[in-house]
């Protein structure tokens, strides 16, 4: 690969990450100011890896918890390494009568 091709790959990656960030920021803003603050607690030090989506129903295990405006939290996750201390998956939660799916890793 040439340096120009490598630079383009990184530029495309940065643009994609910005698209995800902008989309998720708009979704959270649409849920209200409290949702933005509660979202940080919901993630509990994990990172959002893709766009937040609206879904019809949750998947995974009901962890019988709420996090501020985020109600009925469900987790669908898997281990991403041999040591068992890194995870990826989806958080499903109901907010304002609609289910959202949050892709995450930590």
Protein backbone atom coordinates (compact mmCIF):
# COMPACT_ATOMS: atom_id res chain seq x y z
CA UNK A 1 0.00 0.00 0.00
CA UNK A 2 1.14 3.50 -0.71
CA UNK A 3 1.11 6.21 1.90
CA UNK A 4 -1.71 7.88 -0.03
CA UNK A 5 -3.82 4.70 0.20
CA UNK A 6 -3.07 4.35 3.92
CA UNK A 7 -4.04 7.99 4.50
CA UNK A 8 -7.32 7.41 2.66
CA UNK A 9 -8.10 4.34 4.79
CA UNK A 10 -7.57 6.36 7.97
CA UNK A 11 -9.60 9.29 6.62
CA UNK A 12 -12.46 6.96 5.68
CA UNK A 13 -12.33 5.33 9.13
CA UNK A 14 -12.41 8.73 10.84
CA UNK A 15 -15.40 9.79 8.70
CA UNK A 16 -17.23 6.55 9.56
CA UNK A 17 -16.57 6.96 13.29
CA UNK A 18 -17.82 10.58 13.10
CA UNK A 19 -20.98 9.41 11.32
CA UNK A 20 -21.63 6.92 14.14
CA UNK A 21 -20.92 9.51 16.83
CA UNK A 22 -23.15 12.16 15.20
CA UNK A 23 -25.99 9.65 14.74
CA UNK A 24 -25.82 8.44 18.34
CA UNK A 25 -25.62 11.98 19.67
CA UNK A 26 -28.81 12.87 17.80
CA UNK A 27 -30.59 9.76 19.10
CA UNK A 28 -29.65 10.64 22.69
CA UNK A 29 -30.67 14.28 22.25
CA UNK A 30 -34.07 13.13 20.99
CA UNK A 31 -34.53 11.20 24.25
CA UNK A 32 -34.01 14.28 26.44
CA UNK A 33 -31.30 15.83 28.62
CA UNK A 34 -31.61 13.25 31.38
CA UNK A 35 -31.06 10.46 28.85
CA UNK A 36 -27.66 11.83 27.89
CA UNK A 37 -26.48 11.72 31.52
CA UNK A 38 -28.10 8.35 32.27
CA UNK A 39 -26.54 6.88 29.12
CA UNK A 40 -23.04 7.21 30.57
CA UNK A 41 -24.14 5.24 33.63
CA UNK A 42 -25.86 2.66 31.42
CA UNK A 43 -22.62 2.02 29.51
CA UNK A 44 -20.59 1.63 32.73
CA UNK A 45 -17.20 2.36 31.11
CA UNK A 46 -17.95 0.47 27.88
CA UNK A 47 -17.73 1.97 24.39
CA UNK A 48 -20.48 2.24 21.81
CA UNK A 49 -19.20 0.51 18.67
CA UNK A 50 -21.92 1.20 16.09
CA UNK A 51 -25.11 3.18 15.58
CA UNK A 52 -27.88 2.96 18.16
CA UNK A 53 -31.02 1.49 16.57
CA UNK A 54 -34.69 1.31 17.41
CA UNK A 55 -35.89 -2.29 17.64
CA UNK A 56 -39.23 -4.02 18.19
CA UNK A 57 -38.16 -6.11 21.19
CA UNK A 58 -35.10 -6.85 23.31
CA UNK A 59 -32.82 -9.86 23.01
CA UNK A 60 -30.54 -11.38 25.59
CA UNK A 61 -31.00 -11.66 29.33
CA UNK A 62 -33.20 -9.37 31.39
CA UNK A 63 -30.84 -8.14 34.11
CA UNK A 64 -33.76 -6.77 36.15
CA UNK A 65 -32.27 -3.27 36.31
CA UNK A 66 -33.15 0.25 35.32
CA UNK A 67 -30.74 3.10 34.68
CA UNK A 68 -32.51 6.45 35.00
CA UNK A 69 -34.75 6.89 31.95
CA UNK A 70 -33.54 3.55 30.55
CA UNK A 71 -35.91 0.85 31.79
CA UNK A 72 -35.91 -2.97 31.60
CA UNK A 73 -32.25 -3.36 30.63
CA UNK A 74 -31.37 -6.57 28.74
CA UNK A 75 -27.85 -7.69 27.82
CA UNK A 76 -26.77 -9.93 24.96
CA UNK A 77 -22.99 -10.29 25.21
CA UNK A 78 -20.05 -12.57 24.53
CA UNK A 79 -16.40 -12.80 25.51
CA UNK A 80 -13.92 -11.42 22.98
CA UNK A 81 -10.69 -12.91 24.33
CA UNK A 82 -9.27 -16.01 26.01
CA UNK A 83 -9.00 -14.45 29.49
CA UNK A 84 -12.70 -13.68 29.74
CA UNK A 85 -12.32 -10.05 30.75
CA UNK A 86 -13.32 -8.34 27.48
CA UNK A 87 -16.87 -8.36 26.16
CA UNK A 88 -18.90 -7.16 23.21
CA UNK A 89 -22.59 -7.32 22.49
CA UNK A 90 -25.78 -5.33 22.71
CA UNK A 91 -27.61 -3.50 25.46
CA UNK A 92 -31.37 -3.38 24.96
CA UNK A 93 -33.44 -0.97 26.96
CA UNK A 94 -36.82 0.69 26.85
CA UNK A 95 -36.91 4.46 26.90
CA UNK A 96 -40.00 6.57 26.33
CA UNK A 97 -41.96 3.49 25.24
CA UNK A 98 -39.50 2.37 22.58
CA UNK A 99 -36.76 -0.27 22.61
CA UNK A 100 -33.24 0.69 21.61
CA UNK A 101 -30.28 -1.51 20.77
CA UNK A 102 -26.83 -0.22 21.78
CA UNK A 103 -23.82 -2.10 20.33
CA UNK A 104 -20.94 -2.06 22.83
CA UNK A 105 -17.53 -3.42 23.76
CA UNK A 106 -15.49 -3.25 26.95
